[in-house]
Amino acid sequence: MFLEYHTIYHNNQKMADLIFETEIDKSQIIELFKNRNREKLYQHLLINYKKFRSFSVRQLHFHLPNNDSFLRMHRPTKFSDNLSKARLTVKYVLMVLKKAKYLTVLDLFIHSLMVQSI
């Protein structure tokens, strides 16, 4: 069972790394997020997000430092809700590990177990 877990986690982490390095960690994306330009950020990422979906990437979600939702690519009309109670891992990374660019974790959500990169 540990080997299966490790394989699934490792493969998902590789996918998260690829998405982060090729799509998210770019000056244009960082600038759009920094300037809180939700619509342009969404439009800029939309084509590739649709491609990610074919690889079982279900969500791409941007959070603000106070743990408010900024942009859910899977549900762009829902934002500004605070996720501190629902996403404890995200809260931990955003509030405590401020130096990390991102972190990949296994998290238990209401509906599923999910590998997420924060």
PDB file of N, CA and C in Angstrom:
ATOM      1  N   MET A   1       0.820  -1.193   0.000  1.00  0.00           N
ATOM      2  CA  MET A   1       0.000   0.000   0.000  1.00  0.00           C
ATOM      3  C   MET A   1       0.869   1.265   0.000  1.00  0.00           C
ATOM      4  N   PHE A   2       1.962   1.254   0.759  1.00  0.00           N
ATOM      5  CA  PHE A   2       2.831   2.420   0.794  1.00  0.00           C
ATOM      6  C   PHE A   2       3.392   2.719  -0.585  1.00  0.00           C
ATOM      7  N   LEU A   3       3.769   1.676  -1.321  1.00  0.00           N
ATOM      8  CA  LEU A   3       4.318   1.855  -2.665  1.00  0.00           C
ATOM      9  C   LEU A   3       3.286   2.491  -3.593  1.00  0.00           C
ATOM     10  N   GLU A   4       2.031   2.061  -3.496  1.00  0.00           N
ATOM     11  CA  GLU A   4       0.968   2.648  -4.314  1.00  0.00           C
ATOM     12  C   GLU A   4       0.773   4.127  -3.970  1.00  0.00           C
ATOM     13  N   TYR A   5       0.725   4.418  -2.675  1.00  0.00           N
ATOM     14  CA  TYR A   5       0.595   5.801  -2.228  1.00  0.00           C
ATOM     15  C   TYR A   5       1.756   6.640  -2.760  1.00  0.00           C
ATOM     16  N   HIS A   6       2.964   6.132  -2.587  1.00  0.00           N
ATOM     17  CA  HIS A   6       4.154   6.859  -3.024  1.00  0.00           C
ATOM     18  C   HIS A   6       4.125   7.111  -4.533  1.00  0.00           C
ATOM     19  N   THR A   7       3.718   6.126  -5.301  1.00  0.00           N
ATOM     20  CA  THR A   7       3.656   6.265  -6.762  1.00  0.00           C
ATOM     21  C   THR A   7       2.627   7.318  -7.162  1.00  0.00           C
ATOM     22  N   ILE A   8       1.448   7.259  -6.588  1.00  0.00           N
ATOM     23  CA  ILE A   8       0.398   8.234  -6.907  1.00  0.00           C
ATOM     24  C   ILE A   8       0.839   9.634  -6.498  1.00  0.00           C
ATOM     25  N   TYR A   9       1.365   9.756  -5.295  1.00  0.00           N
ATOM     26  CA  TYR A   9       1.804  11.057  -4.803  1.00  0.00           C
ATOM     27  C   TYR A   9       2.922  11.612  -5.685  1.00  0.00           C
ATOM     28  N   HIS A  10       3.900  10.781  -6.003  1.00  0.00           N
ATOM     29  CA  HIS A  10       5.036  11.216  -6.821  1.00  0.00           C
ATOM     30  C   HIS A  10       4.575  11.660  -8.214  1.00  0.00           C
ATOM     31  N   ASN A  11       3.697  10.902  -8.834  1.00  0.00           N
ATOM     32  CA  ASN A  11       3.212  11.266 -10.170  1.00  0.00           C
ATOM     33  C   ASN A  11       2.428  12.574 -10.144  1.00  0.00           C
ATOM     34  N   ASN A  12       1.608  12.751  -9.117  1.00  0.00           N
ATOM     35  CA  ASN A  12       0.863  14.000  -9.000  1.00  0.00           C
ATOM     36  C   ASN A  12       1.775  15.171  -8.690  1.00  0.00           C
ATOM     37  N   GLN A  13       2.800  14.919  -7.902  1.00  0.00           N
ATOM     38  CA  GLN A  13       3.749  15.989  -7.602  1.00  0.00           C
ATOM     39  C   GLN A  13       4.490  16.406  -8.868  1.00  0.00           C
ATOM     40  N   LYS A  14       4.853  15.452  -9.705  1.00  0.00           N
ATOM     41  CA  LYS A  14       5.519  15.774 -10.967  1.00  0.00           C
ATOM     42  C   LYS A  14       4.609  16.621 -11.854  1.00  0.00           C
ATOM     43  N   MET A  15       3.330  16.298 -11.904  1.00  0.00           N
ATOM     44  CA  MET A  15       2.378  17.083 -12.693  1.00  0.00           C
ATOM     45  C   MET A  15       2.268  18.493 -12.117  1.00  0.00           C
ATOM     46  N   ALA A  16       2.186  18.604 -10.801  1.00  0.00           N
ATOM     47  CA  ALA A  16       2.102  19.912 -10.153  1.00  0.00           C
ATOM     48  C   ALA A  16       3.357  20.734 -10.425  1.00  0.00           C
ATOM     49  N   ASP A  17       4.512  20.095 -10.358  1.00  0.00           N
ATOM     50  CA  ASP A  17       5.769  20.791 -10.648  1.00  0.00           C
ATOM     51  C   ASP A  17       5.787  21.304 -12.077  1.00  0.00           C
ATOM     52  N   LEU A  18       5.347  20.479 -13.006  1.00  0.00           N
ATOM     53  CA  LEU A  18       5.321  20.864 -14.412  1.00  0.00           C
ATOM     54  C   LEU A  18       4.407  22.070 -14.627  1.00  0.00           C
ATOM     55  N   ILE A  19       3.219  22.024 -14.056  1.00  0.00           N
ATOM     56  CA  ILE A  19       2.274  23.140 -14.200  1.00  0.00           C
ATOM     57  C   ILE A  19       2.851  24.402 -13.559  1.00  0.00           C
ATOM     58  N   PHE A  20       3.410  24.268 -12.371  1.00  0.00           N
ATOM     59  CA  PHE A  20       3.971  25.435 -11.693  1.00  0.00           C
ATOM     60  C   PHE A  20       5.107  26.050 -12.502  1.00  0.00           C
ATOM     61  N   GLU A  21       6.029  25.214 -12.932  1.00  0.00           N
ATOM     62  CA  GLU A  21       7.217  25.729 -13.619  1.00  0.00           C
ATOM     63  C   GLU A  21       6.929  26.257 -15.018  1.00  0.00           C
ATOM     64  N   THR A  22       5.965  25.681 -15.716  1.00  0.00           N
ATOM     65  CA  THR A  22       5.702  26.112 -17.097  1.00  0.00           C
ATOM     66  C   THR A  22       4.593  27.151 -17.214  1.00  0.00           C
ATOM     67  N   GLU A  23       3.692  27.211 -16.241  1.00  0.00           N
ATOM     68  CA  GLU A  23       2.549  28.114 -16.368  1.00  0.00           C
ATOM     69  C   GLU A  23       2.425  29.164 -15.273  1.00  0.00           C
ATOM     70  N   ILE A  24       2.703  28.802 -14.048  1.00  0.00           N
ATOM     71  CA  ILE A  24       2.421  29.691 -12.916  1.00  0.00           C
ATOM     72  C   ILE A  24       3.608  30.580 -12.566  1.00  0.00           C
ATOM     73  N   ASP A  25       4.782  30.028 -12.549  1.00  0.00           N
ATOM     74  CA  ASP A  25       5.966  30.771 -12.129  1.00  0.00           C
ATOM     75  C   ASP A  25       6.534  31.594 -13.295  1.00  0.00           C
ATOM     76  N   LYS A  26       5.695  32.441 -13.835  1.00  0.00           N
ATOM     77  CA  LYS A  26       6.071  33.325 -14.941  1.00  0.00           C
ATOM     78  C   LYS A  26       5.803  34.763 -14.518  1.00  0.00           C
ATOM     79  N   SER A  27       6.625  35.659 -14.991  1.00  0.00           N
ATOM     80  CA  SER A  27       6.495  37.058 -14.570  1.00  0.00           C
ATOM     81  C   SER A  27       5.112  37.624 -14.892  1.00  0.00           C
ATOM     82  N   GLN A  28       4.540  37.265 -16.041  1.00  0.00           N
ATOM     83  CA  GLN A  28       3.224  37.799 -16.406  1.00  0.00           C
ATOM     84  C   GLN A  28       2.134  37.301 -15.453  1.00  0.00           C
ATOM     85  N   ILE A  29       2.181  36.030 -15.094  1.00  0.00           N
ATOM     86  CA  ILE A  29       1.197  35.468 -14.163  1.00  0.00           C
ATOM     87  C   ILE A  29       1.371  36.097 -12.787  1.00  0.00           C
ATOM     88  N   ILE A  30       2.593  36.190 -12.342  1.00  0.00           N
ATOM     89  CA  ILE A  30       2.878  36.782 -11.033  1.00  0.00           C
ATOM     90  C   ILE A  30       2.404  38.228 -10.992  1.00  0.00           C
ATOM     91  N   GLU A  31       2.642  38.960 -12.054  1.00  0.00           N
ATOM     92  CA  GLU A  31       2.213  40.366 -12.111  1.00  0.00           C
ATOM     93  C   GLU A  31       0.682  40.492 -12.105  1.00  0.00           C
ATOM     94  N   LEU A  32      -0.001  39.658 -12.877  1.00  0.00           N
ATOM     95  CA  LEU A  32      -1.468  39.694 -12.893  1.00  0.00           C
ATOM     96  C   LEU A  32      -2.036  39.375 -11.509  1.00  0.00           C
ATOM     97  N   PHE A  33      -1.448  38.389 -10.855  1.00  0.00           N
ATOM     98  CA  PHE A  33      -1.903  38.032  -9.516  1.00  0.00           C
ATOM     99  C   PHE A  33      -1.577  39.140  -8.518  1.00  0.00           C
ATOM    100  N   LYS A  34      -0.379  39.658  -8.595  1.00  0.00           N
ATOM    101  CA  LYS A  34       0.048  40.743  -7.700  1.00  0.00           C
ATOM    102  C   LYS A  34      -0.871  41.956  -7.839  1.00  0.00           C
ATOM    103  N   ASN A  35      -1.286  42.258  -9.065  1.00  0.00           N
ATOM    104  CA  ASN A  35      -2.171  43.393  -9.327  1.00  0.00           C
ATOM    105  C   ASN A  35      -3.650  43.053  -9.148  1.00  0.00           C
ATOM    106  N   ARG A  36      -3.911  41.825  -8.733  1.00  0.00           N
ATOM    107  CA  ARG A  36      -5.280  41.352  -8.473  1.00  0.00           C
ATOM    108  C   ARG A  36      -6.181  41.482  -9.707  1.00  0.00           C
ATOM    109  N   ASN A  37      -5.605  41.155 -10.860  1.00  0.00           N
ATOM    110  CA  ASN A  37      -6.364  41.224 -12.110  1.00  0.00           C
ATOM    111  C   ASN A  37      -6.927  39.836 -12.410  1.00  0.00           C
ATOM    112  N   ARG A  38      -8.029  39.522 -11.767  1.00  0.00           N
ATOM    113  CA  ARG A  38      -8.652  38.194 -11.837  1.00  0.00           C
ATOM    114  C   ARG A  38      -9.039  37.813 -13.266  1.00  0.00           C
ATOM    115  N   GLU A  39      -9.705  38.701 -13.956  1.00  0.00           N
ATOM    116  CA  GLU A  39     -10.209  38.371 -15.298  1.00  0.00           C
ATOM    117  C   GLU A  39      -9.065  38.090 -16.282  1.00  0.00           C
ATOM    118  N   LYS A  40      -8.056  38.917 -16.281  1.00  0.00           N
ATOM    119  CA  LYS A  40      -6.924  38.683 -17.193  1.00  0.00           C
ATOM    120  C   LYS A  40      -6.162  37.419 -16.819  1.00  0.00           C
ATOM    121  N   LEU A  41      -6.016  37.168 -15.530  1.00  0.00           N
ATOM    122  CA  LEU A  41      -5.355  35.951 -15.077  1.00  0.00           C
ATOM    123  C   LEU A  41      -6.135  34.729 -15.558  1.00  0.00           C
ATOM    124  N   TYR A  42      -7.430  34.774 -15.378  1.00  0.00           N
ATOM    125  CA  TYR A  42      -8.295  33.677 -15.832  1.00  0.00           C
ATOM    126  C   TYR A  42      -8.162  33.465 -17.344  1.00  0.00           C
ATOM    127  N   GLN A  43      -8.284  34.534 -18.114  1.00  0.00           N
ATOM    128  CA  GLN A  43      -8.199  34.424 -19.574  1.00  0.00           C
ATOM    129  C   GLN A  43      -6.831  33.921 -20.019  1.00  0.00           C
ATOM    130  N   HIS A  44      -5.800  34.358 -19.335  1.00  0.00           N
ATOM    131  CA  HIS A  44      -4.448  33.956 -19.710  1.00  0.00           C
ATOM    132  C   HIS A  44      -4.206  32.459 -19.482  1.00  0.00           C
ATOM    133  N   LEU A  45      -4.802  31.912 -18.447  1.00  0.00           N
ATOM    134  CA  LEU A  45      -4.587  30.509 -18.096  1.00  0.00           C
ATOM    135  C   LEU A  45      -5.615  29.541 -18.672  1.00  0.00           C
ATOM    136  N   LEU A  46      -6.709  30.054 -19.203  1.00  0.00           N
ATOM    137  CA  LEU A  46      -7.847  29.221 -19.570  1.00  0.00           C
ATOM    138  C   LEU A  46      -7.526  28.118 -20.579  1.00  0.00           C
ATOM    139  N   ILE A  47      -6.851  28.421 -21.651  1.00  0.00           N
ATOM    140  CA  ILE A  47      -6.582  27.412 -22.691  1.00  0.00           C
ATOM    141  C   ILE A  47      -5.782  26.247 -22.118  1.00  0.00           C
ATOM    142  N   ASN A  48      -4.720  26.559 -21.397  1.00  0.00           N
ATOM    143  CA  ASN A  48      -3.908  25.479 -20.827  1.00  0.00           C
ATOM    144  C   ASN A  48      -4.622  24.768 -19.682  1.00  0.00           C
ATOM    145  N   TYR A  49      -5.443  25.484 -18.936  1.00  0.00           N
ATOM    146  CA  TYR A  49      -6.208  24.823 -17.879  1.00  0.00           C
ATOM    147  C   TYR A  49      -7.127  23.762 -18.475  1.00  0.00           C
ATOM    148  N   LYS A  50      -7.734  24.058 -19.588  1.00  0.00           N
ATOM    149  CA  LYS A  50      -8.583  23.069 -20.260  1.00  0.00           C
ATOM    150  C   LYS A  50      -7.768  21.845 -20.668  1.00  0.00           C
ATOM    151  N   LYS A  51      -6.532  22.044 -21.079  1.00  0.00           N
ATOM    152  CA  LYS A  51      -5.648  20.916 -21.403  1.00  0.00           C
ATOM    153  C   LYS A  51      -5.301  20.130 -20.136  1.00  0.00           C
ATOM    154  N   PHE A  52      -5.053  20.823 -19.032  1.00  0.00           N
ATOM    155  CA  PHE A  52      -4.732  20.148 -17.774  1.00  0.00           C
ATOM    156  C   PHE A  52      -5.865  19.213 -17.354  1.00  0.00           C
ATOM    157  N   ARG A  53      -7.099  19.640 -17.617  1.00  0.00           N
ATOM    158  CA  ARG A  53      -8.263  18.832 -17.235  1.00  0.00           C
ATOM    159  C   ARG A  53      -8.211  17.443 -17.878  1.00  0.00           C
ATOM    160  N   SER A  54      -7.661  17.365 -19.079  1.00  0.00           N
ATOM    161  CA  SER A  54      -7.566  16.063 -19.748  1.00  0.00           C
ATOM    162  C   SER A  54      -6.543  15.156 -19.062  1.00  0.00           C
ATOM    163  N   PHE A  55      -5.725  15.714 -18.183  1.00  0.00           N
ATOM    164  CA  PHE A  55      -4.758  14.942 -17.401  1.00  0.00           C
ATOM    165  C   PHE A  55      -5.201  14.804 -15.944  1.00  0.00           C
ATOM    166  N   SER A  56      -6.495  14.930 -15.715  1.00  0.00           N
ATOM    167  CA  SER A  56      -7.112  14.750 -14.393  1.00  0.00           C
ATOM    168  C   SER A  56      -6.751  15.835 -13.389  1.00  0.00           C
ATOM    169  N   VAL A  57      -6.327  16.990 -13.862  1.00  0.00           N
ATOM    170  CA  VAL A  57      -6.147  18.137 -12.964  1.00  0.00           C
ATOM    171  C   VAL A  57      -7.529  18.754 -12.797  1.00  0.00           C
ATOM    172  N   ARG A  58      -8.067  18.658 -11.611  1.00  0.00           N
ATOM    173  CA  ARG A  58      -9.442  19.098 -11.388  1.00  0.00           C
ATOM    174  C   ARG A  58      -9.549  20.573 -11.030  1.00  0.00           C
ATOM    175  N   GLN A  59      -8.519  21.101 -10.381  1.00  0.00           N
ATOM    176  CA  GLN A  59      -8.620  22.481  -9.923  1.00  0.00           C
ATOM    177  C   GLN A  59      -7.287  23.198 -10.052  1.00  0.00           C
ATOM    178  N   LEU A  60      -7.385  24.478 -10.306  1.00  0.00           N
ATOM    179  CA  LEU A  60      -6.246  25.387 -10.224  1.00  0.00           C
ATOM    180  C   LEU A  60      -6.806  26.590  -9.483  1.00  0.00           C
ATOM    181  N   HIS A  61      -6.281  26.842  -8.299  1.00  0.00           N
ATOM    182  CA  HIS A  61      -6.918  27.775  -7.372  1.00  0.00           C
ATOM    183  C   HIS A  61      -5.871  28.726  -6.812  1.00  0.00           C
ATOM    184  N   PHE A  62      -6.126  30.011  -6.907  1.00  0.00           N
ATOM    185  CA  PHE A  62      -5.234  31.038  -6.360  1.00  0.00           C
ATOM    186  C   PHE A  62      -5.831  31.564  -5.059  1.00  0.00           C
ATOM    187  N   HIS A  63      -4.975  31.654  -4.030  1.00  0.00           N
ATOM    188  CA  HIS A  63      -5.383  32.157  -2.720  1.00  0.00           C
ATOM    189  C   HIS A  63      -4.603  33.418  -2.393  1.00  0.00           C
ATOM    190  N   LEU A  64      -5.252  34.327  -1.691  1.00  0.00           N
ATOM    191  CA  LEU A  64      -4.587  35.530  -1.195  1.00  0.00           C
ATOM    192  C   LEU A  64      -3.903  35.212   0.136  1.00  0.00           C
ATOM    193  N   PRO A  65      -2.968  36.040   0.566  1.00  0.00           N
ATOM    194  CA  PRO A  65      -2.245  35.766   1.825  1.00  0.00           C
ATOM    195  C   PRO A  65      -3.146  35.614   3.054  1.00  0.00           C
ATOM    196  N   ASN A  66      -4.325  36.213   3.035  1.00  0.00           N
ATOM    197  CA  ASN A  66      -5.240  36.078   4.176  1.00  0.00           C
ATOM    198  C   ASN A  66      -6.139  34.838   4.045  1.00  0.00           C
ATOM    199  N   ASN A  67      -5.864  34.009   3.059  1.00  0.00           N
ATOM    200  CA  ASN A  67      -6.570  32.759   2.782  1.00  0.00           C
ATOM    201  C   ASN A  67      -7.932  32.964   2.114  1.00  0.00           C
ATOM    202  N   ASP A  68      -8.159  34.152   1.577  1.00  0.00           N
ATOM    203  CA  ASP A  68      -9.348  34.359   0.754  1.00  0.00           C
ATOM    204  C   ASP A  68      -9.097  33.753  -0.619  1.00  0.00           C
ATOM    205  N   SER A  69     -10.141  33.211  -1.189  1.00  0.00           N
ATOM    206  CA  SER A  69     -10.041  32.679  -2.544  1.00  0.00           C
ATOM    207  C   SER A  69      -9.955  33.846  -3.519  1.00  0.00           C
ATOM    208  N   PHE A  70      -8.997  33.797  -4.413  1.00  0.00           N
ATOM    209  CA  PHE A  70      -8.872  34.851  -5.424  1.00  0.00           C
ATOM    210  C   PHE A  70      -9.414  34.389  -6.773  1.00  0.00           C
ATOM    211  N   LEU A  71      -9.022  33.192  -7.195  1.00  0.00           N
ATOM    212  CA  LEU A  71      -9.487  32.679  -8.489  1.00  0.00           C
ATOM    213  C   LEU A  71      -9.516  31.167  -8.459  1.00  0.00           C
ATOM    214  N   ARG A  72     -10.667  30.621  -8.721  1.00  0.00           N
ATOM    215  CA  ARG A  72     -10.824  29.191  -8.949  1.00  0.00           C
ATOM    216  C   ARG A  72     -11.007  29.025 -10.453  1.00  0.00           C
ATOM    217  N   MET A  73     -10.067  28.399 -11.113  1.00  0.00           N
ATOM    218  CA  MET A  73     -10.202  28.219 -12.550  1.00  0.00           C
ATOM    219  C   MET A  73     -11.414  27.346 -12.873  1.00  0.00           C
ATOM    220  N   HIS A  74     -11.754  26.421 -11.999  1.00  0.00           N
ATOM    221  CA  HIS A  74     -12.881  25.531 -12.220  1.00  0.00           C
ATOM    222  C   HIS A  74     -14.223  26.186 -11.895  1.00  0.00           C
ATOM    223  N   ARG A  75     -14.189  27.328 -11.224  1.00  0.00           N
ATOM    224  CA  ARG A  75     -15.412  28.032 -10.808  1.00  0.00           C
ATOM    225  C   ARG A  75     -15.098  29.517 -10.636  1.00  0.00           C
ATOM    226  N   PRO A  76     -14.825  30.202 -11.743  1.00  0.00           N
ATOM    227  CA  PRO A  76     -14.298  31.573 -11.670  1.00  0.00           C
ATOM    228  C   PRO A  76     -15.253  32.617 -11.082  1.00  0.00           C
ATOM    229  N   THR A  77     -16.527  32.327 -11.018  1.00  0.00           N
ATOM    230  CA  THR A  77     -17.459  33.314 -10.464  1.00  0.00           C
ATOM    231  C   THR A  77     -17.527  33.266  -8.939  1.00  0.00           C
ATOM    232  N   LYS A  78     -16.898  32.266  -8.336  1.00  0.00           N
ATOM    233  CA  LYS A  78     -16.877  32.183  -6.878  1.00  0.00           C
ATOM    234  C   LYS A  78     -15.495  32.597  -6.379  1.00  0.00           C
ATOM    235  N   PHE A  79     -15.456  33.681  -5.619  1.00  0.00           N
ATOM    236  CA  PHE A  79     -14.192  34.180  -5.080  1.00  0.00           C
ATOM    237  C   PHE A  79     -14.466  35.047  -3.865  1.00  0.00           C
ATOM    238  N   SER A  80     -13.428  35.428  -3.182  1.00  0.00           N
ATOM    239  CA  SER A  80     -13.448  36.283  -1.986  1.00  0.00           C
ATOM    240  C   SER A  80     -13.909  35.567  -0.721  1.00  0.00           C
ATOM    241  N   ASP A  81     -14.249  34.291  -0.810  1.00  0.00           N
ATOM    242  CA  ASP A  81     -14.618  33.572   0.399  1.00  0.00           C
ATOM    243  C   ASP A  81     -13.352  33.150   1.138  1.00  0.00           C
ATOM    244  N   ASN A  82     -13.400  33.217   2.447  1.00  0.00           N
ATOM    245  CA  ASN A  82     -12.237  32.852   3.245  1.00  0.00           C
ATOM    246  C   ASN A  82     -12.243  31.342   3.472  1.00  0.00           C
ATOM    247  N   LEU A  83     -11.087  30.735   3.218  1.00  0.00           N
ATOM    248  CA  LEU A  83     -10.969  29.279   3.274  1.00  0.00           C
ATOM    249  C   LEU A  83     -10.201  28.787   4.501  1.00  0.00           C
ATOM    250  N   SER A  84     -10.045  29.638   5.491  1.00  0.00           N
ATOM    251  CA  SER A  84      -9.238  29.287   6.671  1.00  0.00           C
ATOM    252  C   SER A  84      -9.756  28.051   7.390  1.00  0.00           C
ATOM    253  N   LYS A  85     -11.053  27.874   7.462  1.00  0.00           N
ATOM    254  CA  LYS A  85     -11.612  26.716   8.163  1.00  0.00           C
ATOM    255  C   LYS A  85     -11.640  25.477   7.283  1.00  0.00           C
ATOM    256  N   ALA A  86     -11.845  25.659   5.996  1.00  0.00           N
ATOM    257  CA  ALA A  86     -11.982  24.522   5.085  1.00  0.00           C
ATOM    258  C   ALA A  86     -10.650  24.003   4.576  1.00  0.00           C
ATOM    259  N   ARG A  87      -9.660  24.854   4.451  1.00  0.00           N
ATOM    260  CA  ARG A  87      -8.368  24.469   3.873  1.00  0.00           C
ATOM    261  C   ARG A  87      -7.246  24.771   4.863  1.00  0.00           C
ATOM    262  N   LEU A  88      -7.145  23.940   5.866  1.00  0.00           N
ATOM    263  CA  LEU A  88      -6.148  24.173   6.914  1.00  0.00           C
ATOM    264  C   LEU A  88      -4.727  24.084   6.379  1.00  0.00           C
ATOM    265  N   THR A  89      -4.501  23.230   5.410  1.00  0.00           N
ATOM    266  CA  THR A  89      -3.164  23.110   4.839  1.00  0.00           C
ATOM    267  C   THR A  89      -2.777  24.383   4.112  1.00  0.00           C
ATOM    268  N   VAL A  90      -3.708  24.938   3.373  1.00  0.00           N
ATOM    269  CA  VAL A  90      -3.450  26.190   2.665  1.00  0.00           C
ATOM    270  C   VAL A  90      -3.175  27.294   3.674  1.00  0.00           C
ATOM    271  N   LYS A  91      -3.975  27.351   4.718  1.00  0.00           N
ATOM    272  CA  LYS A  91      -3.766  28.356   5.765  1.00  0.00           C
ATOM    273  C   LYS A  91      -2.369  28.215   6.364  1.00  0.00           C
ATOM    274  N   TYR A  92      -1.971  27.000   6.645  1.00  0.00           N
ATOM    275  CA  TYR A  92      -0.652  26.755   7.219  1.00  0.00           C
ATOM    276  C   TYR A  92       0.453  27.265   6.301  1.00  0.00           C
ATOM    277  N   VAL A  93       0.366  26.916   5.032  1.00  0.00           N
ATOM    278  CA  VAL A  93       1.399  27.335   4.082  1.00  0.00           C
ATOM    279  C   VAL A  93       1.413  28.845   3.930  1.00  0.00           C
ATOM    280  N   LEU A  94       0.255  29.457   3.796  1.00  0.00           N
ATOM    281  CA  LEU A  94       0.188  30.901   3.569  1.00  0.00           C
ATOM    282  C   LEU A  94       0.590  31.711   4.799  1.00  0.00           C
ATOM    283  N   MET A  95       0.260  31.232   5.976  1.00  0.00           N
ATOM    284  CA  MET A  95       0.521  32.006   7.179  1.00  0.00           C
ATOM    285  C   MET A  95       1.862  31.678   7.842  1.00  0.00           C
ATOM    286  N   VAL A  96       2.321  30.455   7.712  1.00  0.00           N
ATOM    287  CA  VAL A  96       3.518  30.033   8.430  1.00  0.00           C
ATOM    288  C   VAL A  96       4.722  29.884   7.510  1.00  0.00           C
ATOM    289  N   LEU A  97       4.527  29.243   6.404  1.00  0.00           N
ATOM    290  CA  LEU A  97       5.645  28.975   5.499  1.00  0.00           C
ATOM    291  C   LEU A  97       5.716  30.015   4.390  1.00  0.00           C
ATOM    292  N   LYS A  98       5.741  31.255   4.731  1.00  0.00           N
ATOM    293  CA  LYS A  98       5.696  32.343   3.749  1.00  0.00           C
ATOM    294  C   LYS A  98       6.879  32.338   2.792  1.00  0.00           C
ATOM    295  N   LYS A  99       7.961  31.692   3.140  1.00  0.00           N
ATOM    296  CA  LYS A  99       9.142  31.695   2.298  1.00  0.00           C
ATOM    297  C   LYS A  99       9.041  30.711   1.137  1.00  0.00           C
ATOM    298  N   ALA A 100       8.195  29.713   1.261  1.00  0.00           N
ATOM    299  CA  ALA A 100       8.094  28.683   0.221  1.00  0.00           C
ATOM    300  C   ALA A 100       7.349  29.220  -0.995  1.00  0.00           C
ATOM    301  N   LYS A 101       7.863  28.909  -2.185  1.00  0.00           N
ATOM    302  CA  LYS A 101       7.139  29.271  -3.402  1.00  0.00           C
ATOM    303  C   LYS A 101       5.871  28.437  -3.491  1.00  0.00           C
ATOM    304  N   TYR A 102       6.030  27.152  -3.291  1.00  0.00           N
ATOM    305  CA  TYR A 102       4.880  26.276  -3.226  1.00  0.00           C
ATOM    306  C   TYR A 102       5.274  24.978  -2.553  1.00  0.00           C
ATOM    307  N   LEU A 103       4.273  24.239  -2.137  1.00  0.00           N
ATOM    308  CA  LEU A 103       4.479  23.002  -1.413  1.00  0.00           C
ATOM    309  C   LEU A 103       3.426  22.017  -1.886  1.00  0.00           C
ATOM    310  N   THR A 104       3.809  20.770  -2.111  1.00  0.00           N
ATOM    311  CA  THR A 104       2.851  19.749  -2.510  1.00  0.00           C
ATOM    312  C   THR A 104       2.507  18.910  -1.298  1.00  0.00           C
ATOM    313  N   VAL A 105       1.212  18.738  -1.052  1.00  0.00           N
ATOM    314  CA  VAL A 105       0.746  18.005   0.119  1.00  0.00           C
ATOM    315  C   VAL A 105      -0.410  17.083  -0.268  1.00  0.00           C
ATOM    316  N   LEU A 106      -0.628  16.080   0.559  1.00  0.00           N
ATOM    317  CA  LEU A 106      -1.798  15.223   0.437  1.00  0.00           C
ATOM    318  C   LEU A 106      -2.798  15.739   1.455  1.00  0.00           C
ATOM    319  N   ASP A 107      -4.003  16.036   1.010  1.00  0.00           N
ATOM    320  CA  ASP A 107      -4.980  16.660   1.887  1.00  0.00           C
ATOM    321  C   ASP A 107      -6.319  15.949   1.762  1.00  0.00           C
ATOM    322  N   LEU A 108      -7.034  15.857   2.851  1.00  0.00           N
ATOM    323  CA  LEU A 108      -8.361  15.264   2.861  1.00  0.00           C
ATOM    324  C   LEU A 108      -9.382  16.386   2.786  1.00  0.00           C
ATOM    325  N   PHE A 109     -10.182  16.351   1.744  1.00  0.00           N
ATOM    326  CA  PHE A 109     -11.227  17.350   1.561  1.00  0.00           C
ATOM    327  C   PHE A 109     -12.580  16.727   1.853  1.00  0.00           C
ATOM    328  N   ILE A 110     -13.609  17.511   1.794  1.00  0.00           N
ATOM    329  CA  ILE A 110     -14.954  17.042   2.093  1.00  0.00           C
ATOM    330  C   ILE A 110     -15.342  15.872   1.190  1.00  0.00           C
ATOM    331  N   HIS A 111     -15.015  15.971  -0.101  1.00  0.00           N
ATOM    332  CA  HIS A 111     -15.465  14.974  -1.061  1.00  0.00           C
ATOM    333  C   HIS A 111     -14.401  13.967  -1.471  1.00  0.00           C
ATOM    334  N   SER A 112     -13.140  14.247  -1.208  1.00  0.00           N
ATOM    335  CA  SER A 112     -12.099  13.358  -1.742  1.00  0.00           C
ATOM    336  C   SER A 112     -10.758  13.598  -1.064  1.00  0.00           C
ATOM    337  N   LEU A 113      -9.850  12.703  -1.379  1.00  0.00           N
ATOM    338  CA  LEU A 113      -8.458  12.858  -0.998  1.00  0.00           C
ATOM    339  C   LEU A 113      -7.770  13.504  -2.198  1.00  0.00           C
ATOM    340  N   MET A 114      -6.960  14.536  -1.958  1.00  0.00           N
ATOM    341  CA  MET A 114      -6.409  15.276  -3.085  1.00  0.00           C
ATOM    342  C   MET A 114      -4.960  15.631  -2.839  1.00  0.00           C
ATOM    343  N   VAL A 115      -4.181  15.497  -3.884  1.00  0.00           N
ATOM    344  CA  VAL A 115      -2.819  16.020  -3.868  1.00  0.00           C
ATOM    345  C   VAL A 115      -2.938  17.460  -4.340  1.00  0.00           C
ATOM    346  N   GLN A 116      -2.436  18.377  -3.549  1.00  0.00           N
ATOM    347  CA  GLN A 116      -2.516  19.780  -3.953  1.00  0.00           C
ATOM    348  C   GLN A 116      -1.169  20.451  -3.785  1.00  0.00           C
ATOM    349  N   SER A 117      -0.916  21.372  -4.658  1.00  0.00           N
ATOM    350  CA  SER A 117       0.290  22.185  -4.550  1.00  0.00           C
ATOM    351  C   SER A 117      -0.126  23.589  -4.170  1.00  0.00           C
ATOM    352  N   ILE A 118       0.491  24.068  -3.129  1.00  0.00           N
ATOM    353  CA  ILE A 118       0.132  25.375  -2.594  1.00  0.00           C
ATOM    354  C   ILE A 118       1.315  26.297  -2.786  1.00  0.00           C
TER     355      ILE A 118
END
